[in-house]
């Protein structure tokens, strides 16, 4: 199934690996920019942190509550908590 903005959360629940690619294409730039603010001048750490954020979201999707925050807000929160 094609992953879109509307179904990305559901696709992650189904463990559709294409959803990770979608997250990288759609939010990778924003997440990278935020991570670089904290991990200056270390591209390897930035890459590792981004991978950690995606893996964390993949395995802890149940912590996402769409009634409390938007999807991208939750991703950014996860990133700051790692």
PDB file of N, CA and C in Angstrom:
ATOM      1  N   UNK A   1       0.832  -1.181   0.000  1.00  0.00           N
ATOM      2  CA  UNK A   1       0.000   0.000   0.000  1.00  0.00           C
ATOM      3  C   UNK A   1       0.880   1.248   0.000  1.00  0.00           C
ATOM      4  N   UNK A   2       0.458   2.241  -0.713  1.00  0.00           N
ATOM      5  CA  UNK A   2       1.188   3.502  -0.813  1.00  0.00           C
ATOM      6  C   UNK A   2       1.069   4.263   0.510  1.00  0.00           C
ATOM      7  N   UNK A   3       2.183   4.765   0.997  1.00  0.00           N
ATOM      8  CA  UNK A   3       2.213   5.512   2.246  1.00  0.00           C
ATOM      9  C   UNK A   3       1.999   6.992   1.939  1.00  0.00           C
ATOM     10  N   UNK A   4       1.069   7.598   2.667  1.00  0.00           N
ATOM     11  CA  UNK A   4       0.762   9.019   2.499  1.00  0.00           C
ATOM     12  C   UNK A   4       0.745   9.688   3.865  1.00  0.00           C
ATOM     13  N   UNK A   5       0.613  10.996   3.851  1.00  0.00           N
ATOM     14  CA  UNK A   5       0.512  11.766   5.095  1.00  0.00           C
ATOM     15  C   UNK A   5      -0.660  11.275   5.945  1.00  0.00           C
ATOM     16  N   UNK A   6      -1.736  10.911   5.280  1.00  0.00           N
ATOM     17  CA  UNK A   6      -2.948  10.497   5.979  1.00  0.00           C
ATOM     18  C   UNK A   6      -2.848   9.105   6.597  1.00  0.00           C
ATOM     19  N   UNK A   7      -2.039   8.222   6.010  1.00  0.00           N
ATOM     20  CA  UNK A   7      -2.013   6.845   6.515  1.00  0.00           C
ATOM     21  C   UNK A   7      -0.665   6.399   7.080  1.00  0.00           C
ATOM     22  N   UNK A   8       0.272   7.308   7.245  1.00  0.00           N
ATOM     23  CA  UNK A   8       1.615   6.917   7.679  1.00  0.00           C
ATOM     24  C   UNK A   8       1.592   6.244   9.054  1.00  0.00           C
ATOM     25  N   UNK A   9       0.793   6.771   9.980  1.00  0.00           N
ATOM     26  CA  UNK A   9       0.733   6.174  11.318  1.00  0.00           C
ATOM     27  C   UNK A   9       0.188   4.752  11.224  1.00  0.00           C
ATOM     28  N   UNK A  10      -0.863   4.578  10.451  1.00  0.00           N
ATOM     29  CA  UNK A  10      -1.448   3.240  10.284  1.00  0.00           C
ATOM     30  C   UNK A  10      -0.443   2.291   9.631  1.00  0.00           C
ATOM     31  N   UNK A  11       0.298   2.779   8.655  1.00  0.00           N
ATOM     32  CA  UNK A  11       1.278   1.943   7.975  1.00  0.00           C
ATOM     33  C   UNK A  11       2.420   1.538   8.909  1.00  0.00           C
ATOM     34  N   UNK A  12       2.797   2.434   9.822  1.00  0.00           N
ATOM     35  CA  UNK A  12       3.815   2.072  10.805  1.00  0.00           C
ATOM     36  C   UNK A  12       3.265   1.004  11.738  1.00  0.00           C
ATOM     37  N   UNK A  13       2.000   1.130  12.114  1.00  0.00           N
ATOM     38  CA  UNK A  13       1.371   0.097  12.954  1.00  0.00           C
ATOM     39  C   UNK A  13       1.398  -1.253  12.262  1.00  0.00           C
ATOM     40  N   UNK A  14       1.224  -1.247  10.943  1.00  0.00           N
ATOM     41  CA  UNK A  14       1.269  -2.479  10.153  1.00  0.00           C
ATOM     42  C   UNK A  14       2.699  -2.929   9.872  1.00  0.00           C
ATOM     43  N   UNK A  15       3.674  -2.161  10.347  1.00  0.00           N
ATOM     44  CA  UNK A  15       5.095  -2.449  10.146  1.00  0.00           C
ATOM     45  C   UNK A  15       5.490  -2.441   8.673  1.00  0.00           C
ATOM     46  N   UNK A  16       4.873  -1.551   7.923  1.00  0.00           N
ATOM     47  CA  UNK A  16       5.211  -1.354   6.514  1.00  0.00           C
ATOM     48  C   UNK A  16       6.523  -0.568   6.456  1.00  0.00           C
ATOM     49  N   UNK A  17       7.580  -1.197   5.988  1.00  0.00           N
ATOM     50  CA  UNK A  17       8.898  -0.565   5.954  1.00  0.00           C
ATOM     51  C   UNK A  17       8.943   0.656   5.042  1.00  0.00           C
ATOM     52  N   UNK A  18       8.031   0.748   4.097  1.00  0.00           N
ATOM     53  CA  UNK A  18       7.967   1.925   3.227  1.00  0.00           C
ATOM     54  C   UNK A  18       7.633   3.186   4.026  1.00  0.00           C
ATOM     55  N   UNK A  19       7.008   3.000   5.181  1.00  0.00           N
ATOM     56  CA  UNK A  19       6.652   4.166   5.997  1.00  0.00           C
ATOM     57  C   UNK A  19       7.899   4.869   6.535  1.00  0.00           C
ATOM     58  N   UNK A  20       8.965   4.129   6.790  1.00  0.00           N
ATOM     59  CA  UNK A  20      10.214   4.747   7.242  1.00  0.00           C
ATOM     60  C   UNK A  20      10.807   5.599   6.121  1.00  0.00           C
ATOM     61  N   UNK A  21      10.776   5.092   4.900  1.00  0.00           N
ATOM     62  CA  UNK A  21      11.254   5.878   3.754  1.00  0.00           C
ATOM     63  C   UNK A  21      10.421   7.141   3.589  1.00  0.00           C
ATOM     64  N   UNK A  22       9.114   7.010   3.779  1.00  0.00           N
ATOM     65  CA  UNK A  22       8.233   8.173   3.696  1.00  0.00           C
ATOM     66  C   UNK A  22       8.607   9.204   4.755  1.00  0.00           C
ATOM     67  N   UNK A  23       8.854   8.755   5.983  1.00  0.00           N
ATOM     68  CA  UNK A  23       9.247   9.664   7.060  1.00  0.00           C
ATOM     69  C   UNK A  23      10.538  10.392   6.710  1.00  0.00           C
ATOM     70  N   UNK A  24      11.501   9.655   6.171  1.00  0.00           N
ATOM     71  CA  UNK A  24      12.775  10.274   5.794  1.00  0.00           C
ATOM     72  C   UNK A  24      12.595  11.311   4.693  1.00  0.00           C
ATOM     73  N   UNK A  25      11.798  10.982   3.682  1.00  0.00           N
ATOM     74  CA  UNK A  25      11.578  11.918   2.578  1.00  0.00           C
ATOM     75  C   UNK A  25      10.797  13.143   3.025  1.00  0.00           C
ATOM     76  N   UNK A  26       9.808  12.932   3.875  1.00  0.00           N
ATOM     77  CA  UNK A  26       8.912  14.013   4.260  1.00  0.00           C
ATOM     78  C   UNK A  26       9.459  14.867   5.401  1.00  0.00           C
ATOM     79  N   UNK A  27      10.040  14.216   6.410  1.00  0.00           N
ATOM     80  CA  UNK A  27      10.453  14.930   7.616  1.00  0.00           C
ATOM     81  C   UNK A  27      11.947  14.879   7.879  1.00  0.00           C
ATOM     82  N   UNK A  28      12.694  14.185   7.050  1.00  0.00           N
ATOM     83  CA  UNK A  28      14.131  14.026   7.274  1.00  0.00           C
ATOM     84  C   UNK A  28      14.883  15.336   7.361  1.00  0.00           C
ATOM     85  N   UNK A  29      14.558  16.286   6.501  1.00  0.00           N
ATOM     86  CA  UNK A  29      15.235  17.576   6.518  1.00  0.00           C
ATOM     87  C   UNK A  29      15.001  18.337   7.808  1.00  0.00           C
ATOM     88  N   UNK A  30      13.762  18.370   8.254  1.00  0.00           N
ATOM     89  CA  UNK A  30      13.424  19.056   9.498  1.00  0.00           C
ATOM     90  C   UNK A  30      14.104  18.383  10.688  1.00  0.00           C
ATOM     91  N   UNK A  31      13.999  17.066  10.759  1.00  0.00           N
ATOM     92  CA  UNK A  31      14.611  16.339  11.871  1.00  0.00           C
ATOM     93  C   UNK A  31      16.127  16.523  11.877  1.00  0.00           C
ATOM     94  N   UNK A  32      16.735  16.464  10.709  1.00  0.00           N
ATOM     95  CA  UNK A  32      18.189  16.687  10.608  1.00  0.00           C
ATOM     96  C   UNK A  32      18.575  18.073  11.106  1.00  0.00           C
ATOM     97  N   UNK A  33      17.808  19.070  10.729  1.00  0.00           N
ATOM     98  CA  UNK A  33      18.113  20.446  11.147  1.00  0.00           C
ATOM     99  C   UNK A  33      18.037  20.588  12.664  1.00  0.00           C
ATOM    100  N   UNK A  34      17.036  19.986  13.259  1.00  0.00           N
ATOM    101  CA  UNK A  34      16.898  20.064  14.715  1.00  0.00           C
ATOM    102  C   UNK A  34      18.029  19.313  15.402  1.00  0.00           C
ATOM    103  N   UNK A  35      18.342  18.138  14.907  1.00  0.00           N
ATOM    104  CA  UNK A  35      19.421  17.337  15.508  1.00  0.00           C
ATOM    105  C   UNK A  35      20.756  18.070  15.400  1.00  0.00           C
ATOM    106  N   UNK A  36      21.007  18.679  14.234  1.00  0.00           N
ATOM    107  CA  UNK A  36      22.280  19.400  14.037  1.00  0.00           C
ATOM    108  C   UNK A  36      22.443  20.560  15.016  1.00  0.00           C
ATOM    109  N   UNK A  37      21.342  21.131  15.466  1.00  0.00           N
ATOM    110  CA  UNK A  37      21.438  22.213  16.468  1.00  0.00           C
ATOM    111  C   UNK A  37      22.076  21.714  17.757  1.00  0.00           C
ATOM    112  N   UNK A  38      21.861  20.453  18.077  1.00  0.00           N
ATOM    113  CA  UNK A  38      22.381  19.894  19.328  1.00  0.00           C
ATOM    114  C   UNK A  38      23.685  19.135  19.151  1.00  0.00           C
ATOM    115  N   UNK A  39      23.878  18.565  17.983  1.00  0.00           N
ATOM    116  CA  UNK A  39      25.076  17.753  17.729  1.00  0.00           C
ATOM    117  C   UNK A  39      25.907  18.414  16.641  1.00  0.00           C
ATOM    118  N   UNK A  40      26.394  19.576  16.914  1.00  0.00           N
ATOM    119  CA  UNK A  40      27.119  20.371  15.926  1.00  0.00           C
ATOM    120  C   UNK A  40      28.373  19.662  15.425  1.00  0.00           C
ATOM    121  N   UNK A  41      28.613  19.817  14.147  1.00  0.00           N
ATOM    122  CA  UNK A  41      29.859  19.392  13.518  1.00  0.00           C
ATOM    123  C   UNK A  41      30.197  17.922  13.681  1.00  0.00           C
ATOM    124  N   UNK A  42      29.198  17.082  13.838  1.00  0.00           N
ATOM    125  CA  UNK A  42      29.462  15.653  13.915  1.00  0.00           C
ATOM    126  C   UNK A  42      28.414  14.897  13.100  1.00  0.00           C
ATOM    127  N   UNK A  43      28.625  14.806  11.788  1.00  0.00           N
ATOM    128  CA  UNK A  43      27.638  14.194  10.898  1.00  0.00           C
ATOM    129  C   UNK A  43      27.293  12.748  11.263  1.00  0.00           C
ATOM    130  N   UNK A  44      28.265  12.007  11.767  1.00  0.00           N
ATOM    131  CA  UNK A  44      28.002  10.623  12.127  1.00  0.00           C
ATOM    132  C   UNK A  44      27.018  10.540  13.301  1.00  0.00           C
ATOM    133  N   UNK A  45      27.170  11.413  14.284  1.00  0.00           N
ATOM    134  CA  UNK A  45      26.244  11.443  15.415  1.00  0.00           C
ATOM    135  C   UNK A  45      24.848  11.889  14.979  1.00  0.00           C
ATOM    136  N   UNK A  46      24.786  12.839  14.059  1.00  0.00           N
ATOM    137  CA  UNK A  46      23.499  13.313  13.545  1.00  0.00           C
ATOM    138  C   UNK A  46      22.775  12.162  12.860  1.00  0.00           C
ATOM    139  N   UNK A  47      23.473  11.443  12.018  1.00  0.00           N
ATOM    140  CA  UNK A  47      22.883  10.311  11.304  1.00  0.00           C
ATOM    141  C   UNK A  47      22.405   9.229  12.282  1.00  0.00           C
ATOM    142  N   UNK A  48      23.219   8.950  13.278  1.00  0.00           N
ATOM    143  CA  UNK A  48      22.858   7.933  14.269  1.00  0.00           C
ATOM    144  C   UNK A  48      21.642   8.365  15.089  1.00  0.00           C
ATOM    145  N   UNK A  49      21.589   9.624  15.454  1.00  0.00           N
ATOM    146  CA  UNK A  49      20.456  10.132  16.226  1.00  0.00           C
ATOM    147  C   UNK A  49      19.169  10.067  15.405  1.00  0.00           C
ATOM    148  N   UNK A  50      19.238  10.422  14.138  1.00  0.00           N
ATOM    149  CA  UNK A  50      18.069  10.342  13.267  1.00  0.00           C
ATOM    150  C   UNK A  50      17.580   8.898  13.176  1.00  0.00           C
ATOM    151  N   UNK A  51      18.486   7.966  13.029  1.00  0.00           N
ATOM    152  CA  UNK A  51      18.110   6.549  12.985  1.00  0.00           C
ATOM    153  C   UNK A  51      17.460   6.132  14.303  1.00  0.00           C
ATOM    154  N   UNK A  52      18.007   6.608  15.416  1.00  0.00           N
ATOM    155  CA  UNK A  52      17.432   6.286  16.729  1.00  0.00           C
ATOM    156  C   UNK A  52      16.010   6.818  16.868  1.00  0.00           C
ATOM    157  N   UNK A  53      15.769   8.020  16.362  1.00  0.00           N
ATOM    158  CA  UNK A  53      14.429   8.614  16.413  1.00  0.00           C
ATOM    159  C   UNK A  53      13.443   7.744  15.632  1.00  0.00           C
ATOM    160  N   UNK A  54      13.830   7.351  14.430  1.00  0.00           N
ATOM    161  CA  UNK A  54      12.935   6.553  13.595  1.00  0.00           C
ATOM    162  C   UNK A  54      12.670   5.180  14.202  1.00  0.00           C
ATOM    163  N   UNK A  55      13.706   4.552  14.740  1.00  0.00           N
ATOM    164  CA  UNK A  55      13.531   3.245  15.376  1.00  0.00           C
ATOM    165  C   UNK A  55      12.652   3.378  16.611  1.00  0.00           C
ATOM    166  N   UNK A  56      12.875   4.416  17.389  1.00  0.00           N
ATOM    167  CA  UNK A  56      12.069   4.645  18.589  1.00  0.00           C
ATOM    168  C   UNK A  56      10.598   4.830  18.223  1.00  0.00           C
ATOM    169  N   UNK A  57      10.343   5.619  17.200  1.00  0.00           N
ATOM    170  CA  UNK A  57       8.962   5.829  16.774  1.00  0.00           C
ATOM    171  C   UNK A  57       8.347   4.526  16.272  1.00  0.00           C
ATOM    172  N   UNK A  58       9.110   3.753  15.534  1.00  0.00           N
ATOM    173  CA  UNK A  58       8.655   2.477  14.983  1.00  0.00           C
ATOM    174  C   UNK A  58       8.194   1.532  16.095  1.00  0.00           C
ATOM    175  N   UNK A  59       8.963   1.451  17.172  1.00  0.00           N
ATOM    176  CA  UNK A  59       8.668   0.502  18.239  1.00  0.00           C
ATOM    177  C   UNK A  59       7.789   1.069  19.355  1.00  0.00           C
ATOM    178  N   UNK A  60       7.611   2.380  19.407  1.00  0.00           N
ATOM    179  CA  UNK A  60       6.826   2.983  20.482  1.00  0.00           C
ATOM    180  C   UNK A  60       5.695   3.853  19.936  1.00  0.00           C
ATOM    181  N   UNK A  61       5.117   3.413  18.862  1.00  0.00           N
ATOM    182  CA  UNK A  61       4.046   4.177  18.241  1.00  0.00           C
ATOM    183  C   UNK A  61       2.850   4.336  19.169  1.00  0.00           C
ATOM    184  N   UNK A  62       2.647   3.395  20.086  1.00  0.00           N
ATOM    185  CA  UNK A  62       1.488   3.478  20.977  1.00  0.00           C
ATOM    186  C   UNK A  62       1.556   4.712  21.880  1.00  0.00           C
ATOM    187  N   UNK A  63       2.744   5.308  22.032  1.00  0.00           N
ATOM    188  CA  UNK A  63       2.854   6.514  22.847  1.00  0.00           C
ATOM    189  C   UNK A  63       2.330   7.746  22.101  1.00  0.00           C
ATOM    190  N   UNK A  64       2.077   7.622  20.807  1.00  0.00           N
ATOM    191  CA  UNK A  64       1.546   8.732  20.016  1.00  0.00           C
ATOM    192  C   UNK A  64       0.037   8.809  20.202  1.00  0.00           C
ATOM    193  N   UNK A  65      -0.443   9.971  20.637  1.00  0.00           N
ATOM    194  CA  UNK A  65      -1.872  10.211  20.821  1.00  0.00           C
ATOM    195  C   UNK A  65      -2.277  11.391  19.943  1.00  0.00           C
ATOM    196  N   UNK A  66      -2.959  11.115  18.833  1.00  0.00           N
ATOM    197  CA  UNK A  66      -3.301  12.192  17.905  1.00  0.00           C
ATOM    198  C   UNK A  66      -4.243  13.242  18.501  1.00  0.00           C
ATOM    199  N   UNK A  67      -4.879  12.934  19.631  1.00  0.00           N
ATOM    200  CA  UNK A  67      -5.743  13.932  20.264  1.00  0.00           C
ATOM    201  C   UNK A  67      -4.930  14.935  21.075  1.00  0.00           C
ATOM    202  N   UNK A  68      -3.670  14.595  21.379  1.00  0.00           N
ATOM    203  CA  UNK A  68      -2.831  15.474  22.188  1.00  0.00           C
ATOM    204  C   UNK A  68      -1.865  16.310  21.360  1.00  0.00           C
ATOM    205  N   UNK A  69      -1.354  15.738  20.265  1.00  0.00           N
ATOM    206  CA  UNK A  69      -0.422  16.499  19.434  1.00  0.00           C
ATOM    207  C   UNK A  69      -0.406  15.971  18.013  1.00  0.00           C
ATOM    208  N   UNK A  70       0.184  16.761  17.148  1.00  0.00           N
ATOM    209  CA  UNK A  70       0.322  16.376  15.746  1.00  0.00           C
ATOM    210  C   UNK A  70       1.442  15.353  15.601  1.00  0.00           C
ATOM    211  N   UNK A  71       1.415  14.649  14.502  1.00  0.00           N
ATOM    212  CA  UNK A  71       2.406  13.613  14.217  1.00  0.00           C
ATOM    213  C   UNK A  71       3.822  14.170  14.243  1.00  0.00           C
ATOM    214  N   UNK A  72       4.066  15.280  13.554  1.00  0.00           N
ATOM    215  CA  UNK A  72       5.411  15.843  13.487  1.00  0.00           C
ATOM    216  C   UNK A  72       5.856  16.343  14.859  1.00  0.00           C
ATOM    217  N   UNK A  73       4.937  16.856  15.663  1.00  0.00           N
ATOM    218  CA  UNK A  73       5.284  17.283  17.019  1.00  0.00           C
ATOM    219  C   UNK A  73       5.771  16.092  17.846  1.00  0.00           C
ATOM    220  N   UNK A  74       5.118  14.967  17.656  1.00  0.00           N
ATOM    221  CA  UNK A  74       5.513  13.763  18.393  1.00  0.00           C
ATOM    222  C   UNK A  74       6.908  13.296  17.957  1.00  0.00           C
ATOM    223  N   UNK A  75       7.177  13.325  16.673  1.00  0.00           N
ATOM    224  CA  UNK A  75       8.504  12.959  16.178  1.00  0.00           C
ATOM    225  C   UNK A  75       9.574  13.876  16.764  1.00  0.00           C
ATOM    226  N   UNK A  76       9.296  15.163  16.780  1.00  0.00           N
ATOM    227  CA  UNK A  76      10.265  16.125  17.332  1.00  0.00           C
ATOM    228  C   UNK A  76      10.441  15.912  18.833  1.00  0.00           C
ATOM    229  N   UNK A  77       9.383  15.580  19.530  1.00  0.00           N
ATOM    230  CA  UNK A  77       9.490  15.308  20.958  1.00  0.00           C
ATOM    231  C   UNK A  77      10.391  14.079  21.195  1.00  0.00           C
ATOM    232  N   UNK A  78      10.169  13.035  20.423  1.00  0.00           N
ATOM    233  CA  UNK A  78      11.000  11.829  20.553  1.00  0.00           C
ATOM    234  C   UNK A  78      12.461  12.162  20.332  1.00  0.00           C
ATOM    235  N   UNK A  79      12.702  12.972  19.341  1.00  0.00           N
ATOM    236  CA  UNK A  79      14.069  13.344  18.986  1.00  0.00           C
ATOM    237  C   UNK A  79      14.740  14.072  20.145  1.00  0.00           C
ATOM    238  N   UNK A  80      14.034  14.974  20.795  1.00  0.00           N
ATOM    239  CA  UNK A  80      14.615  15.729  21.897  1.00  0.00           C
ATOM    240  C   UNK A  80      14.815  14.865  23.128  1.00  0.00           C
ATOM    241  N   UNK A  81      14.039  13.793  23.247  1.00  0.00           N
ATOM    242  CA  UNK A  81      14.143  12.952  24.445  1.00  0.00           C
ATOM    243  C   UNK A  81      15.247  11.911  24.331  1.00  0.00           C
ATOM    244  N   UNK A  82      15.836  11.749  23.164  1.00  0.00           N
ATOM    245  CA  UNK A  82      16.890  10.733  23.005  1.00  0.00           C
ATOM    246  C   UNK A  82      18.248  11.260  23.396  1.00  0.00           C
TER     247      UNK A  82
END
